[in-house]
Amino acid sequence: MSVAGGTDGVMDQVTIDSVPHDPACLDCAGSLDHCHGTLVVHSDFTVECTEAGCVLAHRERHALVVDCVAVAGGCSCEVSVAVSQAS
């Protein structure tokens, strides 16, 4: 993890992800390890992040955590849960 605050005009890396430092982000400014993506929690409690470079999909690294049913278009696991509950 790099520390923010470089003066060479290059955005600094403050997370272990491949997302550069965003000077408008308070977590970036505070050199806190975090992710700018949304963490999606599925019905089987597996998780995935909307940020392509995210390598640690932990709740504490994400400011926004949603259930997969809240994702536009729904989720295929929502259908499988409905089928298993009906049987």
PDB file of N, CA and C in Angstrom:
ATOM      1  N   MET A   1       0.846  -1.171   0.000  1.00  0.00           N
ATOM      2  CA  MET A   1       0.000   0.000   0.000  1.00  0.00           C
ATOM      3  C   MET A   1       0.888   1.228   0.000  1.00  0.00           C
ATOM      4  N   SER A   2       0.614   2.141  -0.878  1.00  0.00           N
ATOM      5  CA  SER A   2       1.377   3.377  -0.952  1.00  0.00           C
ATOM      6  C   SER A   2       0.706   4.464  -0.140  1.00  0.00           C
ATOM      7  N   VAL A   3       1.452   5.457   0.189  1.00  0.00           N
ATOM      8  CA  VAL A   3       0.922   6.592   0.934  1.00  0.00           C
ATOM      9  C   VAL A   3       0.639   7.716  -0.046  1.00  0.00           C
ATOM     10  N   ALA A   4      -0.510   8.376   0.126  1.00  0.00           N
ATOM     11  CA  ALA A   4      -0.885   9.483  -0.750  1.00  0.00           C
ATOM     12  C   ALA A   4      -0.039  10.711  -0.449  1.00  0.00           C
ATOM     13  N   GLY A   5      -0.043  11.638  -1.385  1.00  0.00           N
ATOM     14  CA  GLY A   5       0.597  12.911  -1.116  1.00  0.00           C
ATOM     15  C   GLY A   5       1.773  13.229  -1.995  1.00  0.00           C
ATOM     16  N   GLY A   6       1.981  12.464  -3.057  1.00  0.00           N
ATOM     17  CA  GLY A   6       3.093  12.747  -3.957  1.00  0.00           C
ATOM     18  C   GLY A   6       2.921  14.096  -4.636  1.00  0.00           C
ATOM     19  N   THR A   7       4.010  14.694  -5.049  1.00  0.00           N
ATOM     20  CA  THR A   7       3.946  16.016  -5.671  1.00  0.00           C
ATOM     21  C   THR A   7       4.403  15.987  -7.119  1.00  0.00           C
ATOM     22  N   ASP A   8       4.547  14.801  -7.688  1.00  0.00           N
ATOM     23  CA  ASP A   8       5.051  14.711  -9.056  1.00  0.00           C
ATOM     24  C   ASP A   8       3.950  14.790 -10.110  1.00  0.00           C
ATOM     25  N   GLY A   9       2.711  15.049  -9.697  1.00  0.00           N
ATOM     26  CA  GLY A   9       1.609  15.163 -10.639  1.00  0.00           C
ATOM     27  C   GLY A   9       0.982  13.833 -11.005  1.00  0.00           C
ATOM     28  N   VAL A  10       1.533  12.740 -10.545  1.00  0.00           N
ATOM     29  CA  VAL A  10       0.991  11.414 -10.811  1.00  0.00           C
ATOM     30  C   VAL A  10       0.089  11.034  -9.652  1.00  0.00           C
ATOM     31  N   MET A  11      -1.076  10.471  -9.979  1.00  0.00           N
ATOM     32  CA  MET A  11      -1.988  10.052  -8.913  1.00  0.00           C
ATOM     33  C   MET A  11      -1.355   8.901  -8.149  1.00  0.00           C
ATOM     34  N   ASP A  12      -1.402   8.967  -6.845  1.00  0.00           N
ATOM     35  CA  ASP A  12      -0.802   7.947  -5.983  1.00  0.00           C
ATOM     36  C   ASP A  12      -1.749   6.775  -5.811  1.00  0.00           C
ATOM     37  N   GLN A  13      -1.190   5.622  -5.541  1.00  0.00           N
ATOM     38  CA  GLN A  13      -1.961   4.422  -5.244  1.00  0.00           C
ATOM     39  C   GLN A  13      -2.103   4.333  -3.727  1.00  0.00           C
ATOM     40  N   VAL A  14      -3.337   4.262  -3.215  1.00  0.00           N
ATOM     41  CA  VAL A  14      -3.530   4.171  -1.769  1.00  0.00           C
ATOM     42  C   VAL A  14      -4.228   2.890  -1.360  1.00  0.00           C
ATOM     43  N   THR A  15      -4.561   2.057  -2.296  1.00  0.00           N
ATOM     44  CA  THR A  15      -5.175   0.778  -1.970  1.00  0.00           C
ATOM     45  C   THR A  15      -4.360  -0.327  -2.626  1.00  0.00           C
ATOM     46  N   ILE A  16      -4.661  -1.562  -2.247  1.00  0.00           N
ATOM     47  CA  ILE A  16      -3.977  -2.673  -2.894  1.00  0.00           C
ATOM     48  C   ILE A  16      -4.595  -2.961  -4.251  1.00  0.00           C
ATOM     49  N   ASP A  17      -5.736  -2.343  -4.530  1.00  0.00           N
ATOM     50  CA  ASP A  17      -6.393  -2.492  -5.819  1.00  0.00           C
ATOM     51  C   ASP A  17      -5.664  -1.645  -6.857  1.00  0.00           C
ATOM     52  N   SER A  18      -6.058  -1.796  -8.102  1.00  0.00           N
ATOM     53  CA  SER A  18      -5.404  -1.059  -9.182  1.00  0.00           C
ATOM     54  C   SER A  18      -6.065   0.289  -9.453  1.00  0.00           C
ATOM     55  N   VAL A  19      -6.736   0.857  -8.456  1.00  0.00           N
ATOM     56  CA  VAL A  19      -7.418   2.138  -8.605  1.00  0.00           C
ATOM     57  C   VAL A  19      -6.507   3.246  -8.099  1.00  0.00           C
ATOM     58  N   PRO A  20      -6.283   4.290  -8.892  1.00  0.00           N
ATOM     59  CA  PRO A  20      -5.399   5.378  -8.447  1.00  0.00           C
ATOM     60  C   PRO A  20      -6.047   6.255  -7.383  1.00  0.00           C
ATOM     61  N   HIS A  21      -5.235   7.006  -6.706  1.00  0.00           N
ATOM     62  CA  HIS A  21      -5.668   7.959  -5.686  1.00  0.00           C
ATOM     63  C   HIS A  21      -6.601   8.997  -6.299  1.00  0.00           C
ATOM     64  N   ASP A  22      -7.723   9.245  -5.647  1.00  0.00           N
ATOM     65  CA  ASP A  22      -8.674  10.268  -6.080  1.00  0.00           C
ATOM     66  C   ASP A  22      -8.616  11.402  -5.069  1.00  0.00           C
ATOM     67  N   PRO A  23      -8.123  12.578  -5.446  1.00  0.00           N
ATOM     68  CA  PRO A  23      -7.976  13.671  -4.489  1.00  0.00           C
ATOM     69  C   PRO A  23      -9.294  14.151  -3.889  1.00  0.00           C
ATOM     70  N   ALA A  24     -10.438  13.840  -4.512  1.00  0.00           N
ATOM     71  CA  ALA A  24     -11.732  14.242  -3.976  1.00  0.00           C
ATOM     72  C   ALA A  24     -12.280  13.234  -2.964  1.00  0.00           C
ATOM     73  N   CYS A  25     -11.636  12.092  -2.819  1.00  0.00           N
ATOM     74  CA  CYS A  25     -12.100  11.026  -1.923  1.00  0.00           C
ATOM     75  C   CYS A  25     -11.447  11.176  -0.555  1.00  0.00           C
ATOM     76  N   LEU A  26     -12.262  11.247   0.499  1.00  0.00           N
ATOM     77  CA  LEU A  26     -11.724  11.405   1.854  1.00  0.00           C
ATOM     78  C   LEU A  26     -10.907  10.199   2.294  1.00  0.00           C
ATOM     79  N   ASP A  27     -11.322   8.996   1.907  1.00  0.00           N
ATOM     80  CA  ASP A  27     -10.553   7.802   2.266  1.00  0.00           C
ATOM     81  C   ASP A  27      -9.196   7.798   1.572  1.00  0.00           C
ATOM     82  N   CYS A  28      -9.165   8.222   0.309  1.00  0.00           N
ATOM     83  CA  CYS A  28      -7.886   8.338  -0.401  1.00  0.00           C
ATOM     84  C   CYS A  28      -7.007   9.388   0.273  1.00  0.00           C
ATOM     85  N   ALA A  29      -7.604  10.531   0.596  1.00  0.00           N
ATOM     86  CA  ALA A  29      -6.849  11.612   1.232  1.00  0.00           C
ATOM     87  C   ALA A  29      -6.294  11.181   2.583  1.00  0.00           C
ATOM     88  N   GLY A  30      -7.021  10.294   3.276  1.00  0.00           N
ATOM     89  CA  GLY A  30      -6.576   9.791   4.570  1.00  0.00           C
ATOM     90  C   GLY A  30      -5.703   8.557   4.470  1.00  0.00           C
ATOM     91  N   SER A  31      -5.335   8.166   3.253  1.00  0.00           N
ATOM     92  CA  SER A  31      -4.497   6.988   3.001  1.00  0.00           C
ATOM     93  C   SER A  31      -5.094   5.710   3.583  1.00  0.00           C
ATOM     94  N   LEU A  32      -6.424   5.602   3.539  1.00  0.00           N
ATOM     95  CA  LEU A  32      -7.112   4.418   4.052  1.00  0.00           C
ATOM     96  C   LEU A  32      -7.297   3.397   2.935  1.00  0.00           C
ATOM     97  N   ASP A  33      -7.063   2.129   3.250  1.00  0.00           N
ATOM     98  CA  ASP A  33      -7.267   1.065   2.279  1.00  0.00           C
ATOM     99  C   ASP A  33      -8.767   0.896   2.077  1.00  0.00           C
ATOM    100  N   HIS A  34      -9.235   1.076   0.853  1.00  0.00           N
ATOM    101  CA  HIS A  34     -10.660   1.006   0.552  1.00  0.00           C
ATOM    102  C   HIS A  34     -10.851   0.737  -0.932  1.00  0.00           C
ATOM    103  N   CYS A  35     -12.109   0.563  -1.329  1.00  0.00           N
ATOM    104  CA  CYS A  35     -12.439   0.338  -2.729  1.00  0.00           C
ATOM    105  C   CYS A  35     -13.560   1.291  -3.118  1.00  0.00           C
ATOM    106  N   HIS A  36     -13.505   1.815  -4.332  1.00  0.00           N
ATOM    107  CA  HIS A  36     -14.531   2.732  -4.815  1.00  0.00           C
ATOM    108  C   HIS A  36     -15.722   2.007  -5.430  1.00  0.00           C
ATOM    109  N   GLY A  37     -15.658   0.701  -5.541  1.00  0.00           N
ATOM    110  CA  GLY A  37     -16.747  -0.070  -6.134  1.00  0.00           C
ATOM    111  C   GLY A  37     -17.862  -0.358  -5.140  1.00  0.00           C
ATOM    112  N   THR A  38     -18.921  -0.977  -5.644  1.00  0.00           N
ATOM    113  CA  THR A  38     -20.052  -1.402  -4.825  1.00  0.00           C
ATOM    114  C   THR A  38     -19.928  -2.898  -4.579  1.00  0.00           C
ATOM    115  N   LEU A  39     -20.067  -3.310  -3.332  1.00  0.00           N
ATOM    116  CA  LEU A  39     -20.009  -4.726  -2.989  1.00  0.00           C
ATOM    117  C   LEU A  39     -21.414  -5.304  -3.109  1.00  0.00           C
ATOM    118  N   VAL A  40     -21.562  -6.340  -3.920  1.00  0.00           N
ATOM    119  CA  VAL A  40     -22.858  -6.986  -4.145  1.00  0.00           C
ATOM    120  C   VAL A  40     -22.867  -8.305  -3.385  1.00  0.00           C
ATOM    121  N   VAL A  41     -23.879  -8.478  -2.500  1.00  0.00           N
ATOM    122  CA  VAL A  41     -24.007  -9.686  -1.687  1.00  0.00           C
ATOM    123  C   VAL A  41     -25.118 -10.549  -2.279  1.00  0.00           C
ATOM    124  N   HIS A  42     -24.776 -11.800  -2.596  1.00  0.00           N
ATOM    125  CA  HIS A  42     -25.740 -12.727  -3.198  1.00  0.00           C
ATOM    126  C   HIS A  42     -26.470 -13.521  -2.120  1.00  0.00           C
ATOM    127  N   SER A  43     -27.537 -14.220  -2.529  1.00  0.00           N
ATOM    128  CA  SER A  43     -28.372 -14.960  -1.581  1.00  0.00           C
ATOM    129  C   SER A  43     -27.615 -16.065  -0.855  1.00  0.00           C
ATOM    130  N   ASP A  44     -26.540 -16.577  -1.462  1.00  0.00           N
ATOM    131  CA  ASP A  44     -25.727 -17.602  -0.799  1.00  0.00           C
ATOM    132  C   ASP A  44     -24.573 -16.978  -0.006  1.00  0.00           C
ATOM    133  N   PHE A  45     -24.626 -15.652   0.151  1.00  0.00           N
ATOM    134  CA  PHE A  45     -23.653 -14.856   0.914  1.00  0.00           C
ATOM    135  C   PHE A  45     -22.288 -14.739   0.247  1.00  0.00           C
ATOM    136  N   THR A  46     -22.177 -15.160  -1.018  1.00  0.00           N
ATOM    137  CA  THR A  46     -20.959 -14.840  -1.754  1.00  0.00           C
ATOM    138  C   THR A  46     -21.038 -13.368  -2.130  1.00  0.00           C
ATOM    139  N   VAL A  47     -19.892 -12.766  -2.367  1.00  0.00           N
ATOM    140  CA  VAL A  47     -19.856 -11.340  -2.690  1.00  0.00           C
ATOM    141  C   VAL A  47     -19.022 -11.100  -3.939  1.00  0.00           C
ATOM    142  N   GLU A  48     -19.328 -10.021  -4.620  1.00  0.00           N
ATOM    143  CA  GLU A  48     -18.508  -9.569  -5.739  1.00  0.00           C
ATOM    144  C   GLU A  48     -18.545  -8.050  -5.758  1.00  0.00           C
ATOM    145  N   CYS A  49     -17.519  -7.464  -6.348  1.00  0.00           N
ATOM    146  CA  CYS A  49     -17.400  -6.019  -6.398  1.00  0.00           C
ATOM    147  C   CYS A  49     -17.566  -5.534  -7.834  1.00  0.00           C
ATOM    148  N   THR A  50     -18.165  -4.359  -7.982  1.00  0.00           N
ATOM    149  CA  THR A  50     -18.362  -3.778  -9.309  1.00  0.00           C
ATOM    150  C   THR A  50     -17.085  -3.155  -9.858  1.00  0.00           C
ATOM    151  N   GLU A  51     -16.078  -2.969  -9.021  1.00  0.00           N
ATOM    152  CA  GLU A  51     -14.801  -2.386  -9.453  1.00  0.00           C
ATOM    153  C   GLU A  51     -13.923  -3.508  -9.993  1.00  0.00           C
ATOM    154  N   ALA A  52     -13.567  -3.421 -11.255  1.00  0.00           N
ATOM    155  CA  ALA A  52     -12.805  -4.491 -11.909  1.00  0.00           C
ATOM    156  C   ALA A  52     -11.482  -4.796 -11.208  1.00  0.00           C
ATOM    157  N   GLY A  53     -10.837  -3.823 -10.624  1.00  0.00           N
ATOM    158  CA  GLY A  53      -9.538  -4.031 -10.001  1.00  0.00           C
ATOM    159  C   GLY A  53      -9.584  -4.439  -8.542  1.00  0.00           C
ATOM    160  N   CYS A  54     -10.769  -4.627  -7.979  1.00  0.00           N
ATOM    161  CA  CYS A  54     -10.891  -4.959  -6.554  1.00  0.00           C
ATOM    162  C   CYS A  54     -10.365  -6.366  -6.296  1.00  0.00           C
ATOM    163  N   VAL A  55      -9.463  -6.487  -5.333  1.00  0.00           N
ATOM    164  CA  VAL A  55      -8.886  -7.790  -5.015  1.00  0.00           C
ATOM    165  C   VAL A  55      -9.311  -8.315  -3.647  1.00  0.00           C
ATOM    166  N   LEU A  56      -9.872  -7.467  -2.806  1.00  0.00           N
ATOM    167  CA  LEU A  56     -10.370  -7.896  -1.499  1.00  0.00           C
ATOM    168  C   LEU A  56     -11.816  -7.448  -1.339  1.00  0.00           C
ATOM    169  N   ALA A  57     -12.741  -8.351  -1.581  1.00  0.00           N
ATOM    170  CA  ALA A  57     -14.163  -8.021  -1.504  1.00  0.00           C
ATOM    171  C   ALA A  57     -14.659  -8.157  -0.069  1.00  0.00           C
ATOM    172  N   HIS A  58     -14.166  -7.296   0.796  1.00  0.00           N
ATOM    173  CA  HIS A  58     -14.583  -7.283   2.200  1.00  0.00           C
ATOM    174  C   HIS A  58     -15.502  -6.098   2.449  1.00  0.00           C
ATOM    175  N   ARG A  59     -16.495  -6.274   3.299  1.00  0.00           N
ATOM    176  CA  ARG A  59     -17.460  -5.212   3.595  1.00  0.00           C
ATOM    177  C   ARG A  59     -16.797  -3.940   4.112  1.00  0.00           C
ATOM    178  N   GLU A  60     -15.808  -4.080   4.958  1.00  0.00           N
ATOM    179  CA  GLU A  60     -15.196  -2.899   5.570  1.00  0.00           C
ATOM    180  C   GLU A  60     -14.418  -2.038   4.578  1.00  0.00           C
ATOM    181  N   ARG A  61     -14.119  -2.545   3.408  1.00  0.00           N
ATOM    182  CA  ARG A  61     -13.394  -1.777   2.388  1.00  0.00           C
ATOM    183  C   ARG A  61     -14.338  -1.035   1.445  1.00  0.00           C
ATOM    184  N   HIS A  62     -15.645  -1.260   1.555  1.00  0.00           N
ATOM    185  CA  HIS A  62     -16.621  -0.701   0.618  1.00  0.00           C
ATOM    186  C   HIS A  62     -17.626   0.193   1.341  1.00  0.00           C
ATOM    187  N   ALA A  63     -17.805   1.407   0.808  1.00  0.00           N
ATOM    188  CA  ALA A  63     -18.773   2.336   1.389  1.00  0.00           C
ATOM    189  C   ALA A  63     -20.199   1.938   1.027  1.00  0.00           C
ATOM    190  N   LEU A  64     -20.363   1.252  -0.091  1.00  0.00           N
ATOM    191  CA  LEU A  64     -21.695   0.857  -0.536  1.00  0.00           C
ATOM    192  C   LEU A  64     -21.765  -0.661  -0.678  1.00  0.00           C
ATOM    193  N   VAL A  65     -22.714  -1.269   0.064  1.00  0.00           N
ATOM    194  CA  VAL A  65     -22.939  -2.714   0.031  1.00  0.00           C
ATOM    195  C   VAL A  65     -24.427  -2.925  -0.247  1.00  0.00           C
ATOM    196  N   VAL A  66     -24.752  -3.704  -1.288  1.00  0.00           N
ATOM    197  CA  VAL A  66     -26.149  -3.934  -1.654  1.00  0.00           C
ATOM    198  C   VAL A  66     -26.413  -5.425  -1.838  1.00  0.00           C
ATOM    199  N   ASP A  67     -27.689  -5.813  -1.663  1.00  0.00           N
ATOM    200  CA  ASP A  67     -28.111  -7.171  -1.994  1.00  0.00           C
ATOM    201  C   ASP A  67     -28.237  -7.276  -3.507  1.00  0.00           C
ATOM    202  N   CYS A  68     -28.017  -8.452  -4.046  1.00  0.00           N
ATOM    203  CA  CYS A  68     -28.045  -8.632  -5.499  1.00  0.00           C
ATOM    204  C   CYS A  68     -29.415  -8.329  -6.095  1.00  0.00           C
ATOM    205  N   VAL A  69     -30.484  -8.460  -5.322  1.00  0.00           N
ATOM    206  CA  VAL A  69     -31.820  -8.158  -5.846  1.00  0.00           C
ATOM    207  C   VAL A  69     -31.972  -6.672  -6.150  1.00  0.00           C
ATOM    208  N   ALA A  70     -31.112  -5.830  -5.584  1.00  0.00           N
ATOM    209  CA  ALA A  70     -31.168  -4.388  -5.830  1.00  0.00           C
ATOM    210  C   ALA A  70     -30.455  -3.986  -7.112  1.00  0.00           C
ATOM    211  N   VAL A  71     -29.733  -4.912  -7.720  1.00  0.00           N
ATOM    212  CA  VAL A  71     -28.989  -4.617  -8.942  1.00  0.00           C
ATOM    213  C   VAL A  71     -29.968  -4.542 -10.115  1.00  0.00           C
ATOM    214  N   ALA A  72     -29.800  -3.531 -10.963  1.00  0.00           N
ATOM    215  CA  ALA A  72     -30.669  -3.376 -12.132  1.00  0.00           C
ATOM    216  C   ALA A  72     -30.656  -4.653 -12.968  1.00  0.00           C
ATOM    217  N   GLY A  73     -31.832  -5.148 -13.290  1.00  0.00           N
ATOM    218  CA  GLY A  73     -31.929  -6.381 -14.064  1.00  0.00           C
ATOM    219  C   GLY A  73     -31.974  -7.628 -13.199  1.00  0.00           C
ATOM    220  N   GLY A  74     -31.824  -7.459 -11.885  1.00  0.00           N
ATOM    221  CA  GLY A  74     -31.856  -8.593 -10.980  1.00  0.00           C
ATOM    222  C   GLY A  74     -30.603  -9.439 -11.045  1.00  0.00           C
ATOM    223  N   CYS A  75     -30.690 -10.606 -10.469  1.00  0.00           N
ATOM    224  CA  CYS A  75     -29.548 -11.508 -10.402  1.00  0.00           C
ATOM    225  C   CYS A  75     -30.045 -12.929 -10.619  1.00  0.00           C
ATOM    226  N   SER A  76     -29.234 -13.761 -11.235  1.00  0.00           N
ATOM    227  CA  SER A  76     -29.640 -15.142 -11.495  1.00  0.00           C
ATOM    228  C   SER A  76     -29.804 -15.935 -10.207  1.00  0.00           C
ATOM    229  N   CYS A  77     -29.111 -15.557  -9.144  1.00  0.00           N
ATOM    230  CA  CYS A  77     -29.266 -16.309  -7.895  1.00  0.00           C
ATOM    231  C   CYS A  77     -30.635 -16.040  -7.273  1.00  0.00           C
ATOM    232  N   GLU A  78     -31.257 -14.900  -7.583  1.00  0.00           N
ATOM    233  CA  GLU A  78     -32.606 -14.603  -7.107  1.00  0.00           C
ATOM    234  C   GLU A  78     -33.591 -15.621  -7.665  1.00  0.00           C
ATOM    235  N   VAL A  79     -33.431 -16.006  -8.919  1.00  0.00           N
ATOM    236  CA  VAL A  79     -34.291 -16.999  -9.562  1.00  0.00           C
ATOM    237  C   VAL A  79     -34.075 -18.364  -8.937  1.00  0.00           C
ATOM    238  N   SER A  80     -32.834 -18.746  -8.683  1.00  0.00           N
ATOM    239  CA  SER A  80     -32.557 -20.066  -8.113  1.00  0.00           C
ATOM    240  C   SER A  80     -33.087 -20.180  -6.691  1.00  0.00           C
ATOM    241  N   VAL A  81     -33.083 -19.094  -5.922  1.00  0.00           N
ATOM    242  CA  VAL A  81     -33.639 -19.114  -4.568  1.00  0.00           C
ATOM    243  C   VAL A  81     -35.143 -19.294  -4.634  1.00  0.00           C
ATOM    244  N   ALA A  82     -35.822 -18.599  -5.552  1.00  0.00           N
ATOM    245  CA  ALA A  82     -37.268 -18.715  -5.695  1.00  0.00           C
ATOM    246  C   ALA A  82     -37.664 -20.131  -6.092  1.00  0.00           C
ATOM    247  N   VAL A  83     -36.917 -20.765  -6.971  1.00  0.00           N
ATOM    248  CA  VAL A  83     -37.197 -22.134  -7.406  1.00  0.00           C
ATOM    249  C   VAL A  83     -37.002 -23.101  -6.250  1.00  0.00           C
ATOM    250  N   SER A  84     -35.932 -22.955  -5.488  1.00  0.00           N
ATOM    251  CA  SER A  84     -35.670 -23.878  -4.384  1.00  0.00           C
ATOM    252  C   SER A  84     -36.686 -23.702  -3.261  1.00  0.00           C
ATOM    253  N   GLN A  85     -37.195 -22.494  -3.050  1.00  0.00           N
ATOM    254  CA  GLN A  85     -38.201 -22.273  -2.014  1.00  0.00           C
ATOM    255  C   GLN A  85     -39.555 -22.828  -2.443  1.00  0.00           C
ATOM    256  N   ALA A  86     -39.821 -22.870  -3.745  1.00  0.00           N
ATOM    257  CA  ALA A  86     -41.088 -23.375  -4.258  1.00  0.00           C
ATOM    258  C   ALA A  86     -41.150 -24.899  -4.224  1.00  0.00           C
ATOM    259  N   SER A  87     -39.996 -25.569  -4.188  1.00  0.00           N
ATOM    260  CA  SER A  87     -40.023 -27.024  -4.213  1.00  0.00           C
ATOM    261  C   SER A  87     -40.071 -27.630  -2.846  1.00  0.00           C
TER     262      SER A  87
END
